[in-house]
Amino acid sequence: MNHGLRFARGSLAGVLLLGGLPEAAHAANPPAVAADTRADRTARIVFVGAAADTEDLRAVLRELLERSGVHPEFESRDRFRSSALLATEPSDARVWVFLQLTGPRRAKLYFRGPLGERFLLRTLNLRRGMDEVGRELVGQVVETSTVALLRSEGGMSREEAKAGLSAEGEEPEPDEAVPARPLEEPGHDSADAGA
């Protein structure tokens, strides 16, 4: 009987030493999980004017951003207002992307980083407009710029962004309320669209 007890104790010790029974160990002491909210990994994409807003472009943006762990939200506005880009929102951890087609072969992208502290301004020349290659180019720039703003200290300061907007002829406007028209997305709560 003594021999059986020693064997049982030895077997249990071997299982524990070899990393056995991990579920039981984790159940008793669950690992600490870093706090992570959806807003910390969200990009709010604003289509400026009807021309930029297509289902095909939204699908490309959604695929590329979600592959990088970023949740996209979409809305549409009639026109670009620099005051919306430069808004200071200390509790908004999202990246805001304003996408505007300024001609059949040219897109302007304006990015506001989390908390409104860092910015990026991009102009893309689209050889054949918003065809499949053009949508992919826009999607890749949105994805890489968004990830850079979320996960690094990259970007320009507010003053640099104001200077860049002025150089493009986009003089900063006084702050004003900017109405938004959220777009319905299949499979997402309407609460997501209004966030």
N, C-alpha and C. Protein backbone atom coordinates (compact mmCIF):
# COMPACT_ATOMS: atom_id res chain seq x y z
N MET A 1 0.82 -1.19 0.00
CA MET A 1 0.00 0.00 0.00
C MET A 1 0.86 1.25 0.00
N ASN A 2 1.94 1.21 0.72
CA ASN A 2 2.86 2.32 0.77
C ASN A 2 3.46 2.58 -0.62
N HIS A 3 3.74 1.51 -1.35
CA HIS A 3 4.30 1.64 -2.69
C HIS A 3 3.32 2.36 -3.63
N GLY A 4 2.02 2.05 -3.54
CA GLY A 4 0.99 2.69 -4.37
C GLY A 4 0.86 4.17 -4.07
N LEU A 5 0.94 4.55 -2.82
CA LEU A 5 0.84 5.95 -2.43
C LEU A 5 2.03 6.74 -2.96
N ARG A 6 3.23 6.15 -2.86
CA ARG A 6 4.42 6.83 -3.39
C ARG A 6 4.29 7.02 -4.90
N PHE A 7 3.76 6.02 -5.60
CA PHE A 7 3.60 6.12 -7.05
C PHE A 7 2.61 7.23 -7.40
N ALA A 8 1.51 7.32 -6.67
CA ALA A 8 0.50 8.34 -6.95
C ALA A 8 1.07 9.73 -6.70
N ARG A 9 1.81 9.90 -5.60
CA ARG A 9 2.42 11.20 -5.32
C ARG A 9 3.45 11.55 -6.38
N GLY A 10 4.25 10.57 -6.77
CA GLY A 10 5.27 10.80 -7.79
C GLY A 10 4.65 11.16 -9.13
N SER A 11 3.54 10.52 -9.49
CA SER A 11 2.87 10.80 -10.77
C SER A 11 2.30 12.21 -10.77
N LEU A 12 1.70 12.62 -9.66
CA LEU A 12 1.16 13.96 -9.56
C LEU A 12 2.27 14.99 -9.64
N ALA A 13 3.38 14.74 -8.96
CA ALA A 13 4.51 15.67 -9.02
C ALA A 13 5.04 15.76 -10.44
N GLY A 14 5.11 14.63 -11.15
CA GLY A 14 5.59 14.64 -12.54
C GLY A 14 4.68 15.43 -13.44
N VAL A 15 3.37 15.28 -13.27
CA VAL A 15 2.41 16.02 -14.09
C VAL A 15 2.58 17.52 -13.85
N LEU A 16 2.70 17.90 -12.60
CA LEU A 16 2.84 19.32 -12.28
C LEU A 16 4.17 19.88 -12.78
N LEU A 17 5.25 19.08 -12.67
CA LEU A 17 6.54 19.55 -13.15
C LEU A 17 6.57 19.69 -14.66
N LEU A 18 5.86 18.83 -15.35
CA LEU A 18 5.85 18.88 -16.81
C LEU A 18 4.80 19.85 -17.36
N GLY A 19 4.18 20.60 -16.50
CA GLY A 19 3.23 21.61 -16.96
C GLY A 19 1.84 21.06 -17.13
N GLY A 20 1.55 19.90 -16.56
CA GLY A 20 0.22 19.32 -16.68
C GLY A 20 -0.79 20.09 -15.86
N LEU A 21 -2.03 19.80 -16.10
CA LEU A 21 -3.15 20.42 -15.41
C LEU A 21 -3.15 21.95 -15.49
N PRO A 22 -2.85 22.53 -16.65
CA PRO A 22 -2.81 23.99 -16.73
C PRO A 22 -4.16 24.63 -16.52
N GLU A 23 -5.24 23.94 -16.93
CA GLU A 23 -6.55 24.54 -16.76
C GLU A 23 -6.88 24.73 -15.29
N ALA A 24 -6.55 23.72 -14.48
CA ALA A 24 -6.83 23.80 -13.06
C ALA A 24 -6.02 24.92 -12.41
N ALA A 25 -4.77 25.05 -12.79
CA ALA A 25 -3.92 26.09 -12.22
C ALA A 25 -4.44 27.47 -12.61
N HIS A 26 -4.85 27.65 -13.87
CA HIS A 26 -5.35 28.94 -14.32
C HIS A 26 -6.71 29.26 -13.73
N ALA A 27 -7.52 28.23 -13.49
CA ALA A 27 -8.84 28.47 -12.92
C ALA A 27 -8.70 29.03 -11.51
N ALA A 28 -7.73 28.51 -10.76
CA ALA A 28 -7.53 28.98 -9.39
C ALA A 28 -6.94 30.38 -9.37
N ASN A 29 -6.02 30.68 -10.28
CA ASN A 29 -5.36 31.98 -10.37
C ASN A 29 -5.37 32.46 -11.81
N PRO A 30 -6.48 33.06 -12.30
CA PRO A 30 -6.51 33.48 -13.70
C PRO A 30 -5.45 34.53 -13.98
N PRO A 31 -4.82 34.47 -15.19
CA PRO A 31 -3.79 35.45 -15.51
C PRO A 31 -4.38 36.85 -15.61
N ALA A 32 -3.58 37.83 -15.24
CA ALA A 32 -4.02 39.21 -15.36
C ALA A 32 -4.09 39.59 -16.83
N VAL A 33 -5.14 40.27 -17.21
CA VAL A 33 -5.33 40.68 -18.60
C VAL A 33 -5.27 42.20 -18.64
N ALA A 34 -4.47 42.71 -19.56
CA ALA A 34 -4.36 44.16 -19.71
C ALA A 34 -5.70 44.73 -20.16
N ALA A 35 -6.07 45.84 -19.60
CA ALA A 35 -7.32 46.49 -20.00
C ALA A 35 -7.19 46.95 -21.44
N ASP A 36 -8.16 46.59 -22.25
CA ASP A 36 -8.14 46.95 -23.66
C ASP A 36 -9.57 47.20 -24.09
N THR A 37 -9.86 48.38 -24.53
CA THR A 37 -11.21 48.68 -24.96
C THR A 37 -11.24 48.84 -26.47
N ARG A 38 -12.42 48.67 -27.03
CA ARG A 38 -12.57 48.79 -28.48
C ARG A 38 -12.16 50.18 -28.96
N ALA A 39 -12.44 51.22 -28.18
CA ALA A 39 -12.08 52.58 -28.58
C ALA A 39 -10.58 52.75 -28.74
N ASP A 40 -9.79 51.95 -28.00
CA ASP A 40 -8.33 52.03 -28.11
C ASP A 40 -7.84 51.47 -29.44
N ARG A 41 -8.69 50.79 -30.16
CA ARG A 41 -8.30 50.16 -31.43
C ARG A 41 -9.31 50.48 -32.52
N THR A 42 -9.83 51.69 -32.55
CA THR A 42 -10.89 52.05 -33.48
C THR A 42 -10.46 53.18 -34.39
N ALA A 43 -10.88 53.07 -35.65
CA ALA A 43 -10.69 54.16 -36.62
C ALA A 43 -12.06 54.61 -37.09
N ARG A 44 -12.32 55.90 -36.98
CA ARG A 44 -13.57 56.51 -37.45
C ARG A 44 -13.26 57.09 -38.83
N ILE A 45 -13.82 56.48 -39.87
CA ILE A 45 -13.53 56.90 -41.24
C ILE A 45 -14.69 57.75 -41.74
N VAL A 46 -14.37 58.99 -42.12
CA VAL A 46 -15.37 59.95 -42.57
C VAL A 46 -15.20 60.13 -44.07
N PHE A 47 -16.21 59.71 -44.83
CA PHE A 47 -16.21 59.93 -46.27
C PHE A 47 -16.75 61.33 -46.52
N VAL A 48 -15.96 62.15 -47.18
CA VAL A 48 -16.37 63.52 -47.46
C VAL A 48 -16.90 63.57 -48.88
N GLY A 49 -18.19 63.88 -49.02
CA GLY A 49 -18.83 63.87 -50.33
C GLY A 49 -19.22 62.45 -50.72
N ALA A 50 -20.17 62.34 -51.60
CA ALA A 50 -20.71 61.04 -51.98
C ALA A 50 -19.74 60.21 -52.82
N ALA A 51 -18.86 60.86 -53.58
CA ALA A 51 -18.00 60.13 -54.51
C ALA A 51 -17.06 59.15 -53.82
N ALA A 52 -16.60 59.49 -52.63
CA ALA A 52 -15.63 58.64 -51.93
C ALA A 52 -16.29 57.43 -51.27
N ASP A 53 -17.58 57.51 -51.03
CA ASP A 53 -18.26 56.48 -50.26
C ASP A 53 -18.83 55.40 -51.17
N THR A 54 -18.13 54.28 -51.26
CA THR A 54 -18.63 53.14 -52.02
C THR A 54 -18.52 51.89 -51.16
N GLU A 55 -19.39 50.94 -51.42
CA GLU A 55 -19.36 49.68 -50.67
C GLU A 55 -18.04 48.96 -50.90
N ASP A 56 -17.50 49.02 -52.13
CA ASP A 56 -16.22 48.35 -52.41
C ASP A 56 -15.08 48.94 -51.59
N LEU A 57 -15.04 50.27 -51.47
CA LEU A 57 -13.98 50.90 -50.68
C LEU A 57 -14.16 50.57 -49.20
N ARG A 58 -15.39 50.60 -48.70
CA ARG A 58 -15.62 50.24 -47.30
C ARG A 58 -15.16 48.81 -47.02
N ALA A 59 -15.41 47.90 -47.97
CA ALA A 59 -15.00 46.50 -47.79
C ALA A 59 -13.48 46.37 -47.70
N VAL A 60 -12.75 47.10 -48.56
CA VAL A 60 -11.28 47.07 -48.53
C VAL A 60 -10.77 47.64 -47.21
N LEU A 61 -11.31 48.78 -46.80
CA LEU A 61 -10.88 49.41 -45.55
C LEU A 61 -11.16 48.49 -44.35
N ARG A 62 -12.36 47.91 -44.33
CA ARG A 62 -12.72 47.02 -43.24
C ARG A 62 -11.76 45.83 -43.17
N GLU A 63 -11.49 45.21 -44.31
CA GLU A 63 -10.61 44.04 -44.33
C GLU A 63 -9.20 44.38 -43.83
N LEU A 64 -8.61 45.44 -44.36
CA LEU A 64 -7.24 45.79 -43.98
C LEU A 64 -7.14 46.22 -42.52
N LEU A 65 -8.07 47.03 -42.05
CA LEU A 65 -8.02 47.49 -40.67
C LEU A 65 -8.26 46.35 -39.69
N GLU A 66 -9.25 45.52 -39.96
CA GLU A 66 -9.52 44.41 -39.05
C GLU A 66 -8.37 43.42 -39.01
N ARG A 67 -7.67 43.25 -40.12
CA ARG A 67 -6.49 42.37 -40.13
C ARG A 67 -5.42 42.90 -39.18
N SER A 68 -5.39 44.22 -38.98
CA SER A 68 -4.41 44.83 -38.07
C SER A 68 -4.98 45.02 -36.66
N GLY A 69 -6.16 44.47 -36.40
CA GLY A 69 -6.75 44.57 -35.08
C GLY A 69 -7.43 45.89 -34.80
N VAL A 70 -7.83 46.60 -35.85
CA VAL A 70 -8.49 47.91 -35.69
C VAL A 70 -9.94 47.78 -36.16
N HIS A 71 -10.87 48.24 -35.33
CA HIS A 71 -12.29 48.21 -35.66
C HIS A 71 -12.66 49.48 -36.43
N PRO A 72 -13.17 49.37 -37.67
CA PRO A 72 -13.56 50.57 -38.41
C PRO A 72 -15.00 50.98 -38.12
N GLU A 73 -15.21 52.27 -38.05
CA GLU A 73 -16.54 52.87 -38.00
C GLU A 73 -16.63 53.80 -39.20
N PHE A 74 -17.79 53.92 -39.81
CA PHE A 74 -17.94 54.73 -41.02
C PHE A 74 -19.03 55.77 -40.84
N GLU A 75 -18.81 56.92 -41.46
CA GLU A 75 -19.84 57.95 -41.55
C GLU A 75 -19.57 58.79 -42.79
N SER A 76 -20.55 59.61 -43.14
CA SER A 76 -20.43 60.46 -44.32
C SER A 76 -20.76 61.90 -43.94
N ARG A 77 -20.03 62.82 -44.54
CA ARG A 77 -20.28 64.25 -44.34
C ARG A 77 -20.25 64.94 -45.69
N ASP A 78 -20.96 66.03 -45.78
CA ASP A 78 -21.04 66.75 -47.06
C ASP A 78 -19.74 67.41 -47.46
N ARG A 79 -19.01 67.95 -46.47
CA ARG A 79 -17.77 68.64 -46.81
C ARG A 79 -16.75 68.48 -45.69
N PHE A 80 -15.50 68.72 -46.05
CA PHE A 80 -14.41 68.65 -45.07
C PHE A 80 -14.32 69.97 -44.34
N ARG A 81 -14.22 69.90 -43.02
CA ARG A 81 -14.00 71.09 -42.20
C ARG A 81 -12.73 70.85 -41.39
N SER A 82 -11.78 71.74 -41.53
CA SER A 82 -10.53 71.58 -40.79
C SER A 82 -10.76 71.62 -39.28
N SER A 83 -11.82 72.31 -38.86
CA SER A 83 -12.12 72.34 -37.42
C SER A 83 -12.46 70.95 -36.90
N ALA A 84 -13.06 70.11 -37.72
CA ALA A 84 -13.35 68.72 -37.31
C ALA A 84 -12.07 67.93 -37.16
N LEU A 85 -11.13 68.14 -38.08
CA LEU A 85 -9.84 67.45 -38.00
C LEU A 85 -9.06 67.90 -36.77
N LEU A 86 -9.03 69.19 -36.52
CA LEU A 86 -8.20 69.75 -35.46
C LEU A 86 -8.87 69.77 -34.08
N ALA A 87 -10.06 69.22 -34.00
CA ALA A 87 -10.78 69.22 -32.72
C ALA A 87 -9.94 68.54 -31.64
N THR A 88 -9.98 69.14 -30.45
CA THR A 88 -9.29 68.56 -29.30
C THR A 88 -10.31 67.77 -28.51
N GLU A 89 -10.09 66.46 -28.43
CA GLU A 89 -11.00 65.60 -27.69
C GLU A 89 -10.19 64.70 -26.77
N PRO A 90 -9.92 65.16 -25.55
CA PRO A 90 -9.03 64.42 -24.65
C PRO A 90 -9.52 63.04 -24.23
N SER A 91 -10.78 62.73 -24.44
CA SER A 91 -11.28 61.40 -24.06
C SER A 91 -11.50 60.49 -25.26
N ASP A 92 -11.18 60.95 -26.47
CA ASP A 92 -11.43 60.16 -27.69
C ASP A 92 -10.15 59.48 -28.13
N ALA A 93 -10.05 58.17 -27.90
CA ALA A 93 -8.84 57.41 -28.21
C ALA A 93 -8.86 56.86 -29.64
N ARG A 94 -9.88 57.21 -30.43
CA ARG A 94 -9.95 56.72 -31.80
C ARG A 94 -9.03 57.52 -32.72
N VAL A 95 -8.68 56.91 -33.84
CA VAL A 95 -8.06 57.63 -34.95
C VAL A 95 -9.20 58.06 -35.87
N TRP A 96 -9.18 59.32 -36.26
CA TRP A 96 -10.17 59.83 -37.20
C TRP A 96 -9.50 59.97 -38.56
N VAL A 97 -10.18 59.50 -39.60
CA VAL A 97 -9.67 59.56 -40.97
C VAL A 97 -10.71 60.28 -41.81
N PHE A 98 -10.32 61.37 -42.44
CA PHE A 98 -11.20 62.09 -43.35
C PHE A 98 -10.71 61.80 -44.76
N LEU A 99 -11.57 61.21 -45.59
CA LEU A 99 -11.22 60.80 -46.94
C LEU A 99 -12.04 61.61 -47.93
N GLN A 100 -11.32 62.36 -48.78
CA GLN A 100 -11.99 63.24 -49.72
C GLN A 100 -11.37 63.06 -51.11
N LEU A 101 -12.24 62.86 -52.11
CA LEU A 101 -11.76 62.84 -53.50
C LEU A 101 -11.83 64.28 -54.00
N THR A 102 -10.68 64.79 -54.45
CA THR A 102 -10.64 66.19 -54.93
C THR A 102 -10.59 66.25 -56.44
N GLY A 103 -10.77 65.13 -57.08
CA GLY A 103 -10.80 65.02 -58.54
C GLY A 103 -10.93 63.54 -58.88
N PRO A 104 -11.06 63.23 -60.16
CA PRO A 104 -11.26 61.82 -60.52
C PRO A 104 -10.04 60.94 -60.23
N ARG A 105 -8.86 61.56 -60.09
CA ARG A 105 -7.64 60.78 -59.85
C ARG A 105 -6.82 61.28 -58.66
N ARG A 106 -7.50 61.89 -57.71
CA ARG A 106 -6.77 62.44 -56.57
C ARG A 106 -7.60 62.29 -55.28
N ALA A 107 -6.94 61.81 -54.25
CA ALA A 107 -7.60 61.66 -52.94
C ALA A 107 -6.77 62.36 -51.88
N LYS A 108 -7.46 63.01 -50.96
CA LYS A 108 -6.80 63.62 -49.81
C LYS A 108 -7.25 62.87 -48.58
N LEU A 109 -6.28 62.57 -47.72
CA LEU A 109 -6.53 61.85 -46.48
C LEU A 109 -5.98 62.68 -45.33
N TYR A 110 -6.83 62.94 -44.36
CA TYR A 110 -6.46 63.70 -43.18
C TYR A 110 -6.67 62.80 -41.97
N PHE A 111 -5.67 62.66 -41.13
CA PHE A 111 -5.72 61.77 -39.97
C PHE A 111 -5.54 62.56 -38.68
N ARG A 112 -6.39 62.28 -37.71
CA ARG A 112 -6.23 62.82 -36.35
C ARG A 112 -6.00 61.62 -35.43
N GLY A 113 -4.89 61.63 -34.72
CA GLY A 113 -4.55 60.53 -33.84
C GLY A 113 -5.36 60.55 -32.56
N PRO A 114 -5.16 59.54 -31.72
CA PRO A 114 -5.86 59.46 -30.44
C PRO A 114 -5.68 60.74 -29.62
N LEU A 115 -6.76 61.18 -29.01
CA LEU A 115 -6.80 62.35 -28.14
C LEU A 115 -6.54 63.66 -28.88
N GLY A 116 -6.47 63.62 -30.20
CA GLY A 116 -6.27 64.83 -30.99
C GLY A 116 -4.90 65.45 -30.81
N GLU A 117 -3.89 64.61 -30.57
CA GLU A 117 -2.54 65.13 -30.31
C GLU A 117 -1.61 65.07 -31.52
N ARG A 118 -1.81 64.11 -32.41
CA ARG A 118 -0.93 63.95 -33.57
C ARG A 118 -1.76 63.82 -34.83
N PHE A 119 -1.16 64.22 -35.96
CA PHE A 119 -1.90 64.30 -37.21
C PHE A 119 -1.03 63.81 -38.37
N LEU A 120 -1.70 63.41 -39.44
CA LEU A 120 -1.04 63.09 -40.71
C LEU A 120 -1.89 63.66 -41.83
N LEU A 121 -1.23 64.18 -42.86
CA LEU A 121 -1.92 64.69 -44.05
C LEU A 121 -1.33 63.97 -45.25
N ARG A 122 -2.17 63.36 -46.07
CA ARG A 122 -1.70 62.61 -47.23
C ARG A 122 -2.48 63.02 -48.47
N THR A 123 -1.79 63.11 -49.60
CA THR A 123 -2.43 63.31 -50.89
C THR A 123 -1.99 62.16 -51.79
N LEU A 124 -2.96 61.48 -52.39
CA LEU A 124 -2.67 60.34 -53.24
C LEU A 124 -3.08 60.63 -54.67
N ASN A 125 -2.20 60.33 -55.61
CA ASN A 125 -2.54 60.39 -57.03
C ASN A 125 -2.93 58.98 -57.45
N LEU A 126 -4.13 58.85 -57.97
CA LEU A 126 -4.68 57.57 -58.35
C LEU A 126 -4.68 57.48 -59.87
N ARG A 127 -3.79 56.67 -60.42
CA ARG A 127 -3.62 56.58 -61.87
C ARG A 127 -4.91 56.40 -62.64
N ARG A 128 -5.74 55.50 -62.16
CA ARG A 128 -7.00 55.21 -62.87
C ARG A 128 -8.21 55.46 -61.97
N GLY A 129 -8.06 56.40 -61.08
CA GLY A 129 -9.17 56.73 -60.20
C GLY A 129 -9.39 55.67 -59.13
N MET A 130 -10.63 55.54 -58.71
CA MET A 130 -10.96 54.61 -57.63
C MET A 130 -11.33 53.23 -58.17
N ASP A 131 -10.50 52.71 -59.06
CA ASP A 131 -10.68 51.33 -59.50
C ASP A 131 -10.14 50.40 -58.42
N GLU A 132 -10.01 49.13 -58.71
CA GLU A 132 -9.54 48.16 -57.70
C GLU A 132 -8.16 48.53 -57.15
N VAL A 133 -7.26 48.96 -58.04
CA VAL A 133 -5.91 49.34 -57.60
C VAL A 133 -5.96 50.62 -56.76
N GLY A 134 -6.77 51.57 -57.16
CA GLY A 134 -6.92 52.82 -56.39
C GLY A 134 -7.49 52.57 -55.01
N ARG A 135 -8.51 51.72 -54.92
CA ARG A 135 -9.10 51.40 -53.61
C ARG A 135 -8.07 50.70 -52.71
N GLU A 136 -7.29 49.80 -53.29
CA GLU A 136 -6.27 49.09 -52.51
C GLU A 136 -5.22 50.07 -52.00
N LEU A 137 -4.80 51.02 -52.84
CA LEU A 137 -3.81 52.02 -52.43
C LEU A 137 -4.36 52.86 -51.27
N VAL A 138 -5.58 53.35 -51.42
CA VAL A 138 -6.21 54.14 -50.35
C VAL A 138 -6.29 53.30 -49.08
N GLY A 139 -6.72 52.05 -49.21
CA GLY A 139 -6.85 51.17 -48.06
C GLY A 139 -5.53 50.94 -47.35
N GLN A 140 -4.46 50.74 -48.12
CA GLN A 140 -3.15 50.51 -47.50
C GLN A 140 -2.64 51.75 -46.78
N VAL A 141 -2.86 52.93 -47.35
CA VAL A 141 -2.42 54.16 -46.69
C VAL A 141 -3.23 54.40 -45.42
N VAL A 142 -4.54 54.15 -45.48
CA VAL A 142 -5.38 54.30 -44.29
C VAL A 142 -4.93 53.32 -43.20
N GLU A 143 -4.70 52.07 -43.58
CA GLU A 143 -4.31 51.06 -42.60
C GLU A 143 -2.96 51.37 -41.96
N THR A 144 -1.93 51.66 -42.77
CA THR A 144 -0.60 51.89 -42.20
C THR A 144 -0.55 53.19 -41.39
N SER A 145 -1.24 54.22 -41.84
CA SER A 145 -1.25 55.48 -41.11
C SER A 145 -2.01 55.35 -39.80
N THR A 146 -3.13 54.64 -39.83
CA THR A 146 -3.92 54.43 -38.62
C THR A 146 -3.12 53.65 -37.59
N VAL A 147 -2.49 52.57 -38.02
CA VAL A 147 -1.69 51.74 -37.10
C VAL A 147 -0.53 52.57 -36.54
N ALA A 148 0.11 53.39 -37.37
CA ALA A 148 1.21 54.23 -36.89
C ALA A 148 0.73 55.19 -35.81
N LEU A 149 -0.44 55.80 -36.01
CA LEU A 149 -0.95 56.73 -35.01
C LEU A 149 -1.40 56.03 -33.72
N LEU A 150 -1.90 54.80 -33.86
CA LEU A 150 -2.34 54.05 -32.67
C LEU A 150 -1.19 53.48 -31.87
N ARG A 151 -0.11 53.08 -32.55
CA ARG A 151 0.92 52.28 -31.88
C ARG A 151 2.30 52.92 -31.82
N SER A 152 2.41 54.17 -32.24
CA SER A 152 3.72 54.83 -32.17
C SER A 152 3.51 56.29 -31.84
N GLU A 153 4.59 57.01 -31.79
CA GLU A 153 4.54 58.45 -31.54
C GLU A 153 4.68 59.23 -32.85
N GLY A 154 4.48 58.55 -33.98
CA GLY A 154 4.60 59.19 -35.28
C GLY A 154 3.53 60.24 -35.50
N GLY A 155 3.75 61.08 -36.49
CA GLY A 155 2.79 62.10 -36.84
C GLY A 155 3.32 63.49 -36.59
N MET A 156 2.51 64.46 -36.96
CA MET A 156 2.91 65.86 -36.80
C MET A 156 2.09 66.51 -35.70
N SER A 157 2.62 67.62 -35.21
CA SER A 157 1.94 68.35 -34.14
C SER A 157 0.75 69.11 -34.72
N ARG A 158 -0.06 69.65 -33.85
CA ARG A 158 -1.21 70.47 -34.26
C ARG A 158 -0.76 71.67 -35.09
N GLU A 159 0.32 72.32 -34.66
CA GLU A 159 0.80 73.49 -35.39
C GLU A 159 1.30 73.10 -36.79
N GLU A 160 1.99 71.97 -36.88
CA GLU A 160 2.45 71.49 -38.19
C GLU A 160 1.26 71.13 -39.08
N ALA A 161 0.23 70.53 -38.49
CA ALA A 161 -0.97 70.20 -39.26
C ALA A 161 -1.66 71.46 -39.76
N LYS A 162 -1.77 72.47 -38.91
CA LYS A 162 -2.38 73.75 -39.34
C LYS A 162 -1.60 74.35 -40.49
N ALA A 163 -0.26 74.33 -40.40
CA ALA A 163 0.57 74.86 -41.48
C ALA A 163 0.37 74.06 -42.77
N GLY A 164 0.28 72.73 -42.65
CA GLY A 164 0.05 71.89 -43.82
C GLY A 164 -1.30 72.16 -44.46
N LEU A 165 -2.32 72.34 -43.65
CA LEU A 165 -3.65 72.67 -44.17
C LEU A 165 -3.64 74.03 -44.87
N SER A 166 -2.96 75.00 -44.27
CA SER A 166 -2.87 76.33 -44.89
C SER A 166 -2.16 76.27 -46.23
N ALA A 167 -1.11 75.46 -46.31
CA ALA A 167 -0.38 75.31 -47.58
C ALA A 167 -1.26 74.68 -48.66
N GLU A 168 -2.23 73.87 -48.25
CA GLU A 168 -3.16 73.26 -49.21
C GLU A 168 -4.36 74.15 -49.49
N GLY A 169 -4.43 75.32 -48.86
CA GLY A 169 -5.56 76.21 -49.05
C GLY A 169 -6.74 75.89 -48.14
N GLU A 170 -6.54 75.04 -47.16
CA GLU A 170 -7.58 74.69 -46.19
C GLU A 170 -7.34 75.49 -44.92
N GLU A 171 -7.79 76.71 -44.90
CA GLU A 171 -7.60 77.55 -43.72
C GLU A 171 -8.42 77.01 -42.57
N PRO A 172 -7.81 76.89 -41.40
CA PRO A 172 -8.56 76.42 -40.23
C PRO A 172 -9.77 77.31 -39.95
N GLU A 173 -10.90 76.67 -39.71
CA GLU A 173 -12.15 77.38 -39.44
C GLU A 173 -12.39 77.43 -37.95
N PRO A 174 -13.24 78.34 -37.51
CA PRO A 174 -13.59 78.33 -36.09
C PRO A 174 -14.32 77.04 -35.76
N ASP A 175 -14.20 76.60 -34.50
CA ASP A 175 -14.89 75.38 -34.09
C ASP A 175 -16.39 75.56 -34.24
N GLU A 176 -17.02 74.53 -34.78
CA GLU A 176 -18.46 74.54 -34.91
C GLU A 176 -18.95 73.10 -34.87
N ALA A 177 -20.19 72.96 -34.52
CA ALA A 177 -20.76 71.61 -34.51
C ALA A 177 -20.86 71.11 -35.94
N VAL A 178 -20.41 69.90 -36.16
CA VAL A 178 -20.42 69.31 -37.50
C VAL A 178 -21.39 68.14 -37.49
N PRO A 179 -22.52 68.26 -38.19
CA PRO A 179 -23.47 67.15 -38.19
C PRO A 179 -22.89 65.95 -38.95
N ALA A 180 -23.14 64.77 -38.43
CA ALA A 180 -22.66 63.55 -39.06
C ALA A 180 -23.84 62.68 -39.45
N ARG A 181 -23.70 62.00 -40.58
CA ARG A 181 -24.71 61.05 -41.02
C ARG A 181 -24.09 59.67 -40.94
N PRO A 182 -24.33 58.93 -39.86
CA PRO A 182 -23.76 57.58 -39.77
C PRO A 182 -24.32 56.68 -40.87
N LEU A 183 -23.48 55.81 -41.36
CA LEU A 183 -23.88 54.84 -42.37
C LEU A 183 -24.22 53.54 -41.68
N GLU A 184 -25.29 52.92 -42.09
CA GLU A 184 -25.67 51.62 -41.54
C GLU A 184 -24.70 50.58 -42.05
N GLU A 185 -24.29 49.70 -41.17
CA GLU A 185 -23.42 48.59 -41.55
C GLU A 185 -24.09 47.29 -41.20
N PRO A 186 -24.19 46.38 -42.17
CA PRO A 186 -24.77 45.08 -41.84
C PRO A 186 -23.92 44.37 -40.80
N GLY A 187 -24.58 43.77 -39.82
CA GLY A 187 -23.87 42.98 -38.82
C GLY A 187 -23.30 43.79 -37.66
N HIS A 188 -23.51 45.10 -37.63
CA HIS A 188 -22.99 45.91 -36.52
C HIS A 188 -24.15 46.59 -35.83
N ASP A 189 -24.02 46.78 -34.53
CA ASP A 189 -25.05 47.49 -33.77
C ASP A 189 -25.15 48.92 -34.25
N SER A 190 -26.33 49.49 -34.17
CA SER A 190 -26.46 50.89 -34.49
C SER A 190 -25.71 51.73 -33.45
N ALA A 191 -25.46 51.17 -32.26
CA ALA A 191 -24.68 51.87 -31.25
C ALA A 191 -23.25 52.06 -31.72
N ASP A 192 -22.71 51.09 -32.47
CA ASP A 192 -21.37 51.23 -33.03
C ASP A 192 -21.31 52.37 -34.01
N ALA A 193 -22.34 52.53 -34.83
CA ALA A 193 -22.32 53.57 -35.86
C ALA A 193 -22.39 54.95 -35.27
N GLY A 194 -23.03 55.09 -34.10
CA GLY A 194 -23.16 56.41 -33.52
C GLY A 194 -22.09 56.75 -32.53
N ALA A 195 -21.19 55.83 -32.25
CA ALA A 195 -20.14 56.06 -31.23
C ALA A 195 -19.12 57.03 -31.72
